[in-house]
Amino acid sequence: MSDDLQARWWKLEEKLMDRFGKKPDLEAILFLIGIQEVRGAGHRFTKEQKQDLMHVAVCTILTPSGYYELEGWDEEGWPHFKQHKELTPMNLIEQENFMKDHVLFYFSQNEL
C-alpha cells in the first residue's frame, strides 16, 4: 500500500473511531456506507438486508469508476445498480487497497 493511501486510511479510521468509539475495519465502513445510502440509520436490518447493505456500498463506491451505474430506487428506498464492467483479478492485498481507495474517494465526495 502506498504511504499516501495508508495515511489517508488511518485518518478516516481515526475520524470514525472518534465518532463511534470503536476502530472500524473495512467491512464495518462498507456497512456504514450501505446504511448511509439507504438512509437507514436507526433501523434494524435482517441478516439478508445486512448483506444487501454491503452490496449497495460496494456498488456505490465503484460507480464513479464506471463499474456500476445507479438504475434507480425501489419502493422501499433501496438503490439498484447495473454492472458495466468486471473487476480485474487481484490478489487480496490489491483488492483491499482498491476498495480502500474507493472508500476514501466516497468520503471525500460526500463530505462525510
PDB file of N, CA and C in Angstrom:
ATOM      1  N   MET A   1       0.854  -1.169   0.000  1.00  0.00           N
ATOM      2  CA  MET A   1       0.000   0.000   0.000  1.00  0.00           C
ATOM      3  C   MET A   1       0.894   1.224   0.000  1.00  0.00           C
ATOM      4  N   SER A   2       0.546   2.202  -0.804  1.00  0.00           N
ATOM      5  CA  SER A   2       1.334   3.423  -0.825  1.00  0.00           C
ATOM      6  C   SER A   2       1.195   4.138   0.516  1.00  0.00           C
ATOM      7  N   ASP A   3       2.231   4.882   0.846  1.00  0.00           N
ATOM      8  CA  ASP A   3       2.215   5.624   2.113  1.00  0.00           C
ATOM      9  C   ASP A   3       1.056   6.607   2.169  1.00  0.00           C
ATOM     10  N   ASP A   4       0.755   7.247   1.023  1.00  0.00           N
ATOM     11  CA  ASP A   4      -0.336   8.216   0.973  1.00  0.00           C
ATOM     12  C   ASP A   4      -1.674   7.544   1.251  1.00  0.00           C
ATOM     13  N   LEU A   5      -1.917   6.403   0.613  1.00  0.00           N
ATOM     14  CA  LEU A   5      -3.171   5.677   0.833  1.00  0.00           C
ATOM     15  C   LEU A   5      -3.282   5.250   2.293  1.00  0.00           C
ATOM     16  N   GLN A   6      -2.208   4.728   2.841  1.00  0.00           N
ATOM     17  CA  GLN A   6      -2.212   4.289   4.239  1.00  0.00           C
ATOM     18  C   GLN A   6      -2.487   5.457   5.185  1.00  0.00           C
ATOM     19  N   ALA A   7      -1.848   6.594   4.943  1.00  0.00           N
ATOM     20  CA  ALA A   7      -2.046   7.769   5.806  1.00  0.00           C
ATOM     21  C   ALA A   7      -3.486   8.267   5.723  1.00  0.00           C
ATOM     22  N   ARG A   8      -4.035   8.309   4.514  1.00  0.00           N
ATOM     23  CA  ARG A   8      -5.431   8.754   4.357  1.00  0.00           C
ATOM     24  C   ARG A   8      -6.385   7.769   5.024  1.00  0.00           C
ATOM     25  N   TRP A   9      -6.082   6.469   4.938  1.00  0.00           N
ATOM     26  CA  TRP A   9      -6.936   5.451   5.547  1.00  0.00           C
ATOM     27  C   TRP A   9      -6.919   5.591   7.067  1.00  0.00           C
ATOM     28  N   TRP A  10      -5.729   5.762   7.637  1.00  0.00           N
ATOM     29  CA  TRP A  10      -5.632   5.924   9.089  1.00  0.00           C
ATOM     30  C   TRP A  10      -6.393   7.160   9.554  1.00  0.00           C
ATOM     31  N   LYS A  11      -6.354   8.216   8.755  1.00  0.00           N
ATOM     32  CA  LYS A  11      -7.079   9.444   9.111  1.00  0.00           C
ATOM     33  C   LYS A  11      -8.592   9.180   9.121  1.00  0.00           C
ATOM     34  N   LEU A  12      -9.078   8.442   8.136  1.00  0.00           N
ATOM     35  CA  LEU A  12     -10.501   8.090   8.098  1.00  0.00           C
ATOM     36  C   LEU A  12     -10.858   7.217   9.294  1.00  0.00           C
ATOM     37  N   GLU A  13     -10.034   6.207   9.573  1.00  0.00           N
ATOM     38  CA  GLU A  13     -10.295   5.343  10.730  1.00  0.00           C
ATOM     39  C   GLU A  13     -10.359   6.160  12.015  1.00  0.00           C
ATOM     40  N   GLU A  14      -9.466   7.120  12.150  1.00  0.00           N
ATOM     41  CA  GLU A  14      -9.439   7.963  13.350  1.00  0.00           C
ATOM     42  C   GLU A  14     -10.726   8.776  13.478  1.00  0.00           C
ATOM     43  N   LYS A  15     -11.172   9.357  12.374  1.00  0.00           N
ATOM     44  CA  LYS A  15     -12.424  10.135  12.400  1.00  0.00           C
ATOM     45  C   LYS A  15     -13.607   9.258  12.794  1.00  0.00           C
ATOM     46  N   LEU A  16     -13.670   8.063  12.218  1.00  0.00           N
ATOM     47  CA  LEU A  16     -14.779   7.165  12.529  1.00  0.00           C
ATOM     48  C   LEU A  16     -14.683   6.632  13.948  1.00  0.00           C
ATOM     49  N   MET A  17     -13.474   6.424  14.430  1.00  0.00           N
ATOM     50  CA  MET A  17     -13.293   5.975  15.804  1.00  0.00           C
ATOM     51  C   MET A  17     -13.761   7.061  16.773  1.00  0.00           C
ATOM     52  N   ASP A  18     -13.445   8.325  16.472  1.00  0.00           N
ATOM     53  CA  ASP A  18     -13.922   9.429  17.304  1.00  0.00           C
ATOM     54  C   ASP A  18     -15.448   9.492  17.304  1.00  0.00           C
ATOM     55  N   ARG A  19     -16.045   9.217  16.160  1.00  0.00           N
ATOM     56  CA  ARG A  19     -17.500   9.302  16.016  1.00  0.00           C
ATOM     57  C   ARG A  19     -18.219   8.131  16.686  1.00  0.00           C
ATOM     58  N   PHE A  20     -17.665   6.911  16.539  1.00  0.00           N
ATOM     59  CA  PHE A  20     -18.364   5.716  17.008  1.00  0.00           C
ATOM     60  C   PHE A  20     -17.730   5.042  18.220  1.00  0.00           C
ATOM     61  N   GLY A  21     -16.544   5.492  18.628  1.00  0.00           N
ATOM     62  CA  GLY A  21     -15.913   4.944  19.818  1.00  0.00           C
ATOM     63  C   GLY A  21     -15.226   3.608  19.626  1.00  0.00           C
ATOM     64  N   LYS A  22     -15.112   3.172  18.381  1.00  0.00           N
ATOM     65  CA  LYS A  22     -14.503   1.881  18.089  1.00  0.00           C
ATOM     66  C   LYS A  22     -13.833   1.976  16.720  1.00  0.00           C
ATOM     67  N   LYS A  23     -12.632   1.381  16.608  1.00  0.00           N
ATOM     68  CA  LYS A  23     -11.928   1.418  15.328  1.00  0.00           C
ATOM     69  C   LYS A  23     -12.616   0.473  14.347  1.00  0.00           C
ATOM     70  N   PRO A  24     -13.111   1.007  13.218  1.00  0.00           N
ATOM     71  CA  PRO A  24     -13.810   0.158  12.255  1.00  0.00           C
ATOM     72  C   PRO A  24     -12.844  -0.506  11.280  1.00  0.00           C
ATOM     73  N   ASP A  25     -13.198  -1.711  10.828  1.00  0.00           N
ATOM     74  CA  ASP A  25     -12.441  -2.336   9.753  1.00  0.00           C
ATOM     75  C   ASP A  25     -13.136  -2.006   8.433  1.00  0.00           C
ATOM     76  N   LEU A  26     -12.592  -2.490   7.339  1.00  0.00           N
ATOM     77  CA  LEU A  26     -13.150  -2.186   6.020  1.00  0.00           C
ATOM     78  C   LEU A  26     -14.600  -2.637   5.908  1.00  0.00           C
ATOM     79  N   GLU A  27     -14.911  -3.819   6.420  1.00  0.00           N
ATOM     80  CA  GLU A  27     -16.289  -4.312   6.348  1.00  0.00           C
ATOM     81  C   GLU A  27     -17.250  -3.403   7.109  1.00  0.00           C
ATOM     82  N   ALA A  28     -16.850  -2.948   8.282  1.00  0.00           N
ATOM     83  CA  ALA A  28     -17.707  -2.061   9.063  1.00  0.00           C
ATOM     84  C   ALA A  28     -17.934  -0.737   8.333  1.00  0.00           C
ATOM     85  N   ILE A  29     -16.900  -0.245   7.689  1.00  0.00           N
ATOM     86  CA  ILE A  29     -17.025   1.016   6.946  1.00  0.00           C
ATOM     87  C   ILE A  29     -17.952   0.815   5.746  1.00  0.00           C
ATOM     88  N   LEU A  30     -17.835  -0.307   5.061  1.00  0.00           N
ATOM     89  CA  LEU A  30     -18.753  -0.586   3.951  1.00  0.00           C
ATOM     90  C   LEU A  30     -20.190  -0.689   4.451  1.00  0.00           C
ATOM     91  N   PHE A  31     -20.374  -1.312   5.597  1.00  0.00           N
ATOM     92  CA  PHE A  31     -21.705  -1.412   6.195  1.00  0.00           C
ATOM     93  C   PHE A  31     -22.274  -0.016   6.470  1.00  0.00           C
ATOM     94  N   LEU A  32     -21.446   0.880   7.013  1.00  0.00           N
ATOM     95  CA  LEU A  32     -21.877   2.261   7.276  1.00  0.00           C
ATOM     96  C   LEU A  32     -22.264   2.983   5.992  1.00  0.00           C
ATOM     97  N   ILE A  33     -21.487   2.757   4.930  1.00  0.00           N
ATOM     98  CA  ILE A  33     -21.809   3.374   3.643  1.00  0.00           C
ATOM     99  C   ILE A  33     -23.152   2.859   3.144  1.00  0.00           C
ATOM    100  N   GLY A  34     -23.381   1.555   3.268  1.00  0.00           N
ATOM    101  CA  GLY A  34     -24.661   0.982   2.864  1.00  0.00           C
ATOM    102  C   GLY A  34     -25.824   1.607   3.619  1.00  0.00           C
ATOM    103  N   ILE A  35     -25.664   1.752   4.917  1.00  0.00           N
ATOM    104  CA  ILE A  35     -26.716   2.386   5.730  1.00  0.00           C
ATOM    105  C   ILE A  35     -26.942   3.821   5.278  1.00  0.00           C
ATOM    106  N   GLN A  36     -25.861   4.542   5.030  1.00  0.00           N
ATOM    107  CA  GLN A  36     -25.963   5.926   4.558  1.00  0.00           C
ATOM    108  C   GLN A  36     -26.736   5.993   3.244  1.00  0.00           C
ATOM    109  N   GLU A  37     -26.445   5.073   2.345  1.00  0.00           N
ATOM    110  CA  GLU A  37     -27.066   5.108   1.020  1.00  0.00           C
ATOM    111  C   GLU A  37     -28.552   4.757   1.040  1.00  0.00           C
ATOM    112  N   VAL A  38     -28.979   3.922   1.969  1.00  0.00           N
ATOM    113  CA  VAL A  38     -30.416   3.600   2.054  1.00  0.00           C
ATOM    114  C   VAL A  38     -31.111   4.454   3.109  1.00  0.00           C
ATOM    115  N   ARG A  39     -30.339   5.376   3.672  1.00  0.00           N
ATOM    116  CA  ARG A  39     -30.872   6.284   4.701  1.00  0.00           C
ATOM    117  C   ARG A  39     -31.541   5.490   5.817  1.00  0.00           C
ATOM    118  N   GLY A  40     -30.780   4.480   6.283  1.00  0.00           N
ATOM    119  CA  GLY A  40     -31.353   3.551   7.245  1.00  0.00           C
ATOM    120  C   GLY A  40     -30.821   3.666   8.652  1.00  0.00           C
ATOM    121  N   ALA A  41     -30.238   4.787   9.016  1.00  0.00           N
ATOM    122  CA  ALA A  41     -29.716   4.935  10.371  1.00  0.00           C
ATOM    123  C   ALA A  41     -30.830   4.721  11.386  1.00  0.00           C
ATOM    124  N   GLY A  42     -30.540   3.924  12.395  1.00  0.00           N
ATOM    125  CA  GLY A  42     -31.512   3.670  13.445  1.00  0.00           C
ATOM    126  C   GLY A  42     -32.459   2.515  13.157  1.00  0.00           C
ATOM    127  N   HIS A  43     -32.408   1.968  11.963  1.00  0.00           N
ATOM    128  CA  HIS A  43     -33.276   0.841  11.608  1.00  0.00           C
ATOM    129  C   HIS A  43     -32.619  -0.475  12.003  1.00  0.00           C
ATOM    130  N   ARG A  44     -33.430  -1.469  12.207  1.00  0.00           N
ATOM    131  CA  ARG A  44     -32.942  -2.835  12.422  1.00  0.00           C
ATOM    132  C   ARG A  44     -32.998  -3.544  11.074  1.00  0.00           C
ATOM    133  N   PHE A  45     -31.931  -4.264  10.778  1.00  0.00           N
ATOM    134  CA  PHE A  45     -31.858  -4.963   9.499  1.00  0.00           C
ATOM    135  C   PHE A  45     -31.747  -6.464   9.728  1.00  0.00           C
ATOM    136  N   THR A  46     -32.374  -7.219   8.826  1.00  0.00           N
ATOM    137  CA  THR A  46     -32.240  -8.671   8.876  1.00  0.00           C
ATOM    138  C   THR A  46     -30.840  -9.041   8.382  1.00  0.00           C
ATOM    139  N   LYS A  47     -30.467 -10.303   8.568  1.00  0.00           N
ATOM    140  CA  LYS A  47     -29.171 -10.770   8.093  1.00  0.00           C
ATOM    141  C   LYS A  47     -29.062 -10.572   6.578  1.00  0.00           C
ATOM    142  N   GLU A  48     -30.116 -10.877   5.852  1.00  0.00           N
ATOM    143  CA  GLU A  48     -30.107 -10.699   4.392  1.00  0.00           C
ATOM    144  C   GLU A  48     -29.977  -9.215   4.024  1.00  0.00           C
ATOM    145  N   GLN A  49     -30.675  -8.358   4.736  1.00  0.00           N
ATOM    146  CA  GLN A  49     -30.578  -6.924   4.463  1.00  0.00           C
ATOM    147  C   GLN A  49     -29.174  -6.393   4.753  1.00  0.00           C
ATOM    148  N   LYS A  50     -28.521  -6.931   5.777  1.00  0.00           N
ATOM    149  CA  LYS A  50     -27.149  -6.523   6.074  1.00  0.00           C
ATOM    150  C   LYS A  50     -26.226  -6.893   4.919  1.00  0.00           C
ATOM    151  N   GLN A  51     -26.432  -8.062   4.327  1.00  0.00           N
ATOM    152  CA  GLN A  51     -25.660  -8.453   3.147  1.00  0.00           C
ATOM    153  C   GLN A  51     -25.975  -7.514   1.977  1.00  0.00           C
ATOM    154  N   ASP A  52     -27.233  -7.156   1.845  1.00  0.00           N
ATOM    155  CA  ASP A  52     -27.640  -6.231   0.782  1.00  0.00           C
ATOM    156  C   ASP A  52     -27.003  -4.856   0.988  1.00  0.00           C
ATOM    157  N   LEU A  53     -26.882  -4.425   2.241  1.00  0.00           N
ATOM    158  CA  LEU A  53     -26.240  -3.140   2.528  1.00  0.00           C
ATOM    159  C   LEU A  53     -24.780  -3.138   2.084  1.00  0.00           C
ATOM    160  N   MET A  54     -24.095  -4.252   2.297  1.00  0.00           N
ATOM    161  CA  MET A  54     -22.706  -4.368   1.860  1.00  0.00           C
ATOM    162  C   MET A  54     -22.635  -4.286   0.331  1.00  0.00           C
ATOM    163  N   HIS A  55     -23.574  -4.947  -0.337  1.00  0.00           N
ATOM    164  CA  HIS A  55     -23.614  -4.910  -1.803  1.00  0.00           C
ATOM    165  C   HIS A  55     -23.879  -3.483  -2.292  1.00  0.00           C
ATOM    166  N   VAL A  56     -24.818  -2.796  -1.663  1.00  0.00           N
ATOM    167  CA  VAL A  56     -25.111  -1.403  -2.010  1.00  0.00           C
ATOM    168  C   VAL A  56     -23.855  -0.556  -1.857  1.00  0.00           C
ATOM    169  N   ALA A  57     -23.127  -0.765  -0.774  1.00  0.00           N
ATOM    170  CA  ALA A  57     -21.914   0.016  -0.529  1.00  0.00           C
ATOM    171  C   ALA A  57     -20.872  -0.232  -1.614  1.00  0.00           C
ATOM    172  N   VAL A  58     -20.645  -1.491  -1.951  1.00  0.00           N
ATOM    173  CA  VAL A  58     -19.648  -1.818  -2.976  1.00  0.00           C
ATOM    174  C   VAL A  58     -20.053  -1.203  -4.318  1.00  0.00           C
ATOM    175  N   CYS A  59     -21.301  -1.363  -4.695  1.00  0.00           N
ATOM    176  CA  CYS A  59     -21.768  -0.777  -5.957  1.00  0.00           C
ATOM    177  C   CYS A  59     -21.634   0.745  -5.935  1.00  0.00           C
ATOM    178  N   THR A  60     -21.978   1.354  -4.822  1.00  0.00           N
ATOM    179  CA  THR A  60     -21.913   2.807  -4.700  1.00  0.00           C
ATOM    180  C   THR A  60     -20.492   3.319  -4.846  1.00  0.00           C
ATOM    181  N   ILE A  61     -19.547   2.698  -4.137  1.00  0.00           N
ATOM    182  CA  ILE A  61     -18.180   3.219  -4.185  1.00  0.00           C
ATOM    183  C   ILE A  61     -17.509   2.937  -5.522  1.00  0.00           C
ATOM    184  N   LEU A  62     -17.977   1.912  -6.250  1.00  0.00           N
ATOM    185  CA  LEU A  62     -17.375   1.594  -7.548  1.00  0.00           C
ATOM    186  C   LEU A  62     -18.070   2.282  -8.718  1.00  0.00           C
ATOM    187  N   THR A  63     -19.175   2.959  -8.464  1.00  0.00           N
ATOM    188  CA  THR A  63     -19.889   3.675  -9.521  1.00  0.00           C
ATOM    189  C   THR A  63     -19.043   4.771 -10.170  1.00  0.00           C
ATOM    190  N   PRO A  64     -18.337   5.616  -9.403  1.00  0.00           N
ATOM    191  CA  PRO A  64     -17.547   6.667 -10.061  1.00  0.00           C
ATOM    192  C   PRO A  64     -16.471   6.137 -11.011  1.00  0.00           C
ATOM    193  N   SER A  65     -16.018   4.909 -10.815  1.00  0.00           N
ATOM    194  CA  SER A  65     -15.003   4.325 -11.687  1.00  0.00           C
ATOM    195  C   SER A  65     -15.616   3.576 -12.874  1.00  0.00           C
ATOM    196  N   GLY A  66     -16.941   3.627 -12.994  1.00  0.00           N
ATOM    197  CA  GLY A  66     -17.606   3.045 -14.145  1.00  0.00           C
ATOM    198  C   GLY A  66     -17.927   1.568 -14.048  1.00  0.00           C
ATOM    199  N   TYR A  67     -17.746   0.982 -12.872  1.00  0.00           N
ATOM    200  CA  TYR A  67     -18.054  -0.439 -12.717  1.00  0.00           C
ATOM    201  C   TYR A  67     -19.556  -0.667 -12.610  1.00  0.00           C
ATOM    202  N   TYR A  68     -20.240   0.263 -11.991  1.00  0.00           N
ATOM    203  CA  TYR A  68     -21.692   0.164 -11.798  1.00  0.00           C
ATOM    204  C   TYR A  68     -22.342   1.487 -12.139  1.00  0.00           C
ATOM    205  N   GLU A  69     -23.646   1.410 -12.391  1.00  0.00           N
ATOM    206  CA  GLU A  69     -24.451   2.600 -12.624  1.00  0.00           C
ATOM    207  C   GLU A  69     -25.726   2.462 -11.807  1.00  0.00           C
ATOM    208  N   LEU A  70     -26.114   3.519 -11.133  1.00  0.00           N
ATOM    209  CA  LEU A  70     -27.363   3.512 -10.379  1.00  0.00           C
ATOM    210  C   LEU A  70     -28.519   3.526 -11.370  1.00  0.00           C
ATOM    211  N   GLU A  71     -29.369   2.504 -11.280  1.00  0.00           N
ATOM    212  CA  GLU A  71     -30.532   2.421 -12.162  1.00  0.00           C
ATOM    213  C   GLU A  71     -31.748   3.108 -11.572  1.00  0.00           C
ATOM    214  N   GLY A  72     -31.838   3.129 -10.251  1.00  0.00           N
ATOM    215  CA  GLY A  72     -32.984   3.752  -9.609  1.00  0.00           C
ATOM    216  C   GLY A  72     -33.201   3.176  -8.225  1.00  0.00           C
ATOM    217  N   TRP A  73     -34.316   3.550  -7.648  1.00  0.00           N
ATOM    218  CA  TRP A  73     -34.653   3.158  -6.281  1.00  0.00           C
ATOM    219  C   TRP A  73     -35.969   2.393  -6.313  1.00  0.00           C
ATOM    220  N   ASP A  74     -36.074   1.375  -5.461  1.00  0.00           N
ATOM    221  CA  ASP A  74     -37.337   0.647  -5.390  1.00  0.00           C
ATOM    222  C   ASP A  74     -38.278   1.339  -4.403  1.00  0.00           C
ATOM    223  N   GLU A  75     -39.477   0.785  -4.269  1.00  0.00           N
ATOM    224  CA  GLU A  75     -40.498   1.409  -3.413  1.00  0.00           C
ATOM    225  C   GLU A  75     -40.127   1.397  -1.934  1.00  0.00           C
ATOM    226  N   GLU A  76     -39.176   0.551  -1.553  1.00  0.00           N
ATOM    227  CA  GLU A  76     -38.734   0.501  -0.149  1.00  0.00           C
ATOM    228  C   GLU A  76     -37.515   1.393   0.106  1.00  0.00           C
ATOM    229  N   GLY A  77     -37.050   2.095  -0.929  1.00  0.00           N
ATOM    230  CA  GLY A  77     -35.935   3.018  -0.765  1.00  0.00           C
ATOM    231  C   GLY A  77     -34.555   2.401  -0.964  1.00  0.00           C
ATOM    232  N   TRP A  78     -34.513   1.225  -1.568  1.00  0.00           N
ATOM    233  CA  TRP A  78     -33.228   0.564  -1.822  1.00  0.00           C
ATOM    234  C   TRP A  78     -32.758   0.887  -3.236  1.00  0.00           C
ATOM    235  N   PRO A  79     -31.485   1.271  -3.378  1.00  0.00           N
ATOM    236  CA  PRO A  79     -30.963   1.545  -4.719  1.00  0.00           C
ATOM    237  C   PRO A  79     -30.681   0.254  -5.479  1.00  0.00           C
ATOM    238  N   HIS A  80     -30.786   0.330  -6.804  1.00  0.00           N
ATOM    239  CA  HIS A  80     -30.482  -0.808  -7.664  1.00  0.00           C
ATOM    240  C   HIS A  80     -29.462  -0.359  -8.711  1.00  0.00           C
ATOM    241  N   PHE A  81     -28.506  -1.234  -8.977  1.00  0.00           N
ATOM    242  CA  PHE A  81     -27.381  -0.906  -9.839  1.00  0.00           C
ATOM    243  C   PHE A  81     -27.287  -1.869 -11.006  1.00  0.00           C
ATOM    244  N   LYS A  82     -26.692  -1.378 -12.080  1.00  0.00           N
ATOM    245  CA  LYS A  82     -26.383  -2.209 -13.238  1.00  0.00           C
ATOM    246  C   LYS A  82     -24.865  -2.261 -13.350  1.00  0.00           C
ATOM    247  N   GLN A  83     -24.324  -3.464 -13.508  1.00  0.00           N
ATOM    248  CA  GLN A  83     -22.885  -3.616 -13.642  1.00  0.00           C
ATOM    249  C   GLN A  83     -22.482  -3.360 -15.092  1.00  0.00           C
ATOM    250  N   HIS A  84     -21.438  -2.524 -15.266  1.00  0.00           N
ATOM    251  CA  HIS A  84     -20.975  -2.187 -16.606  1.00  0.00           C
ATOM    252  C   HIS A  84     -19.694  -2.904 -16.998  1.00  0.00           C
ATOM    253  N   LYS A  85     -18.844  -3.192 -16.032  1.00  0.00           N
ATOM    254  CA  LYS A  85     -17.604  -3.894 -16.362  1.00  0.00           C
ATOM    255  C   LYS A  85     -17.167  -4.747 -15.188  1.00  0.00           C
ATOM    256  N   GLU A  86     -16.419  -5.778 -15.506  1.00  0.00           N
ATOM    257  CA  GLU A  86     -15.914  -6.708 -14.496  1.00  0.00           C
ATOM    258  C   GLU A  86     -14.674  -6.127 -13.826  1.00  0.00           C
ATOM    259  N   LEU A  87     -14.484  -6.496 -12.575  1.00  0.00           N
ATOM    260  CA  LEU A  87     -13.257  -6.123 -11.880  1.00  0.00           C
ATOM    261  C   LEU A  87     -12.101  -6.961 -12.407  1.00  0.00           C
ATOM    262  N   THR A  88     -10.948  -6.354 -12.494  1.00  0.00           N
ATOM    263  CA  THR A  88      -9.738  -7.063 -12.882  1.00  0.00           C
ATOM    264  C   THR A  88      -9.352  -8.004 -11.747  1.00  0.00           C
ATOM    265  N   PRO A  89      -8.940  -9.225 -12.065  1.00  0.00           N
ATOM    266  CA  PRO A  89      -8.495 -10.125 -10.991  1.00  0.00           C
ATOM    267  C   PRO A  89      -7.353  -9.500 -10.183  1.00  0.00           C
ATOM    268  N   MET A  90      -7.463  -9.598  -8.859  1.00  0.00           N
ATOM    269  CA  MET A  90      -6.471  -9.024  -7.952  1.00  0.00           C
ATOM    270  C   MET A  90      -6.227  -9.989  -6.810  1.00  0.00           C
ATOM    271  N   ASN A  91      -5.032  -9.906  -6.218  1.00  0.00           N
ATOM    272  CA  ASN A  91      -4.804 -10.683  -5.006  1.00  0.00           C
ATOM    273  C   ASN A  91      -5.490  -9.950  -3.849  1.00  0.00           C
ATOM    274  N   LEU A  92      -5.494 -10.555  -2.678  1.00  0.00           N
ATOM    275  CA  LEU A  92      -6.234  -9.979  -1.545  1.00  0.00           C
ATOM    276  C   LEU A  92      -5.748  -8.597  -1.152  1.00  0.00           C
ATOM    277  N   ILE A  93      -4.439  -8.389  -1.148  1.00  0.00           N
ATOM    278  CA  ILE A  93      -3.899  -7.079  -0.768  1.00  0.00           C
ATOM    279  C   ILE A  93      -4.276  -6.022  -1.797  1.00  0.00           C
ATOM    280  N   GLU A  94      -4.148  -6.351  -3.073  1.00  0.00           N
ATOM    281  CA  GLU A  94      -4.531  -5.408  -4.130  1.00  0.00           C
ATOM    282  C   GLU A  94      -6.023  -5.078  -4.049  1.00  0.00           C
ATOM    283  N   GLN A  95      -6.834  -6.098  -3.791  1.00  0.00           N
ATOM    284  CA  GLN A  95      -8.281  -5.893  -3.689  1.00  0.00           C
ATOM    285  C   GLN A  95      -8.617  -4.984  -2.514  1.00  0.00           C
ATOM    286  N   GLU A  96      -7.980  -5.219  -1.374  1.00  0.00           N
ATOM    287  CA  GLU A  96      -8.239  -4.386  -0.203  1.00  0.00           C
ATOM    288  C   GLU A  96      -7.827  -2.936  -0.467  1.00  0.00           C
ATOM    289  N   ASN A  97      -6.672  -2.733  -1.065  1.00  0.00           N
ATOM    290  CA  ASN A  97      -6.215  -1.377  -1.364  1.00  0.00           C
ATOM    291  C   ASN A  97      -7.135  -0.689  -2.373  1.00  0.00           C
ATOM    292  N   PHE A  98      -7.602  -1.448  -3.370  1.00  0.00           N
ATOM    293  CA  PHE A  98      -8.533  -0.937  -4.366  1.00  0.00           C
ATOM    294  C   PHE A  98      -9.815  -0.449  -3.685  1.00  0.00           C
ATOM    295  N   MET A  99     -10.340  -1.280  -2.783  1.00  0.00           N
ATOM    296  CA  MET A  99     -11.563  -0.914  -2.072  1.00  0.00           C
ATOM    297  C   MET A  99     -11.333   0.280  -1.147  1.00  0.00           C
ATOM    298  N   LYS A 100     -10.218   0.283  -0.438  1.00  0.00           N
ATOM    299  CA  LYS A 100      -9.918   1.398   0.464  1.00  0.00           C
ATOM    300  C   LYS A 100      -9.827   2.711  -0.300  1.00  0.00           C
ATOM    301  N   ASP A 101      -9.177   2.685  -1.453  1.00  0.00           N
ATOM    302  CA  ASP A 101      -9.059   3.894  -2.263  1.00  0.00           C
ATOM    303  C   ASP A 101     -10.432   4.401  -2.685  1.00  0.00           C
ATOM    304  N   HIS A 102     -11.323   3.491  -3.059  1.00  0.00           N
ATOM    305  CA  HIS A 102     -12.676   3.889  -3.451  1.00  0.00           C
ATOM    306  C   HIS A 102     -13.500   4.379  -2.252  1.00  0.00           C
ATOM    307  N   VAL A 103     -13.306   3.767  -1.099  1.00  0.00           N
ATOM    308  CA  VAL A 103     -13.990   4.238   0.117  1.00  0.00           C
ATOM    309  C   VAL A 103     -13.540   5.660   0.437  1.00  0.00           C
ATOM    310  N   LEU A 104     -12.252   5.912   0.367  1.00  0.00           N
ATOM    311  CA  LEU A 104     -11.725   7.255   0.653  1.00  0.00           C
ATOM    312  C   LEU A 104     -12.293   8.273  -0.334  1.00  0.00           C
ATOM    313  N   PHE A 105     -12.393   7.898  -1.596  1.00  0.00           N
ATOM    314  CA  PHE A 105     -12.981   8.794  -2.594  1.00  0.00           C
ATOM    315  C   PHE A 105     -14.446   9.072  -2.255  1.00  0.00           C
ATOM    316  N   TYR A 106     -15.173   8.043  -1.859  1.00  0.00           N
ATOM    317  CA  TYR A 106     -16.579   8.208  -1.469  1.00  0.00           C
ATOM    318  C   TYR A 106     -16.710   9.241  -0.347  1.00  0.00           C
ATOM    319  N   PHE A 107     -15.893   9.082   0.684  1.00  0.00           N
ATOM    320  CA  PHE A 107     -15.980  10.006   1.810  1.00  0.00           C
ATOM    321  C   PHE A 107     -15.580  11.418   1.403  1.00  0.00           C
ATOM    322  N   SER A 108     -14.603  11.566   0.532  1.00  0.00           N
ATOM    323  CA  SER A 108     -14.195  12.901   0.097  1.00  0.00           C
ATOM    324  C   SER A 108     -15.286  13.553  -0.746  1.00  0.00           C
ATOM    325  N   GLN A 109     -15.966  12.785  -1.577  1.00  0.00           N
ATOM    326  CA  GLN A 109     -17.020  13.327  -2.428  1.00  0.00           C
ATOM    327  C   GLN A 109     -18.305  13.641  -1.669  1.00  0.00           C
ATOM    328  N   ASN A 110     -18.549  12.904  -0.597  1.00  0.00           N
ATOM    329  CA  ASN A 110     -19.785  13.092   0.161  1.00  0.00           C
ATOM    330  C   ASN A 110     -19.584  13.916   1.419  1.00  0.00           C
ATOM    331  N   GLU A 111     -18.385  14.416   1.606  1.00  0.00           N
ATOM    332  CA  GLU A 111     -18.061  15.286   2.737  1.00  0.00           C
ATOM    333  C   GLU A 111     -18.572  14.729   4.057  1.00  0.00           C
ATOM    334  N   LEU A 112     -18.307  13.441   4.243  1.00  0.00           N
ATOM    335  CA  LEU A 112     -18.757  12.782   5.489  1.00  0.00           C
ATOM    336  C   LEU A 112     -17.631  12.706   6.481  1.00  0.00           C
TER     337      LEU A 112
END
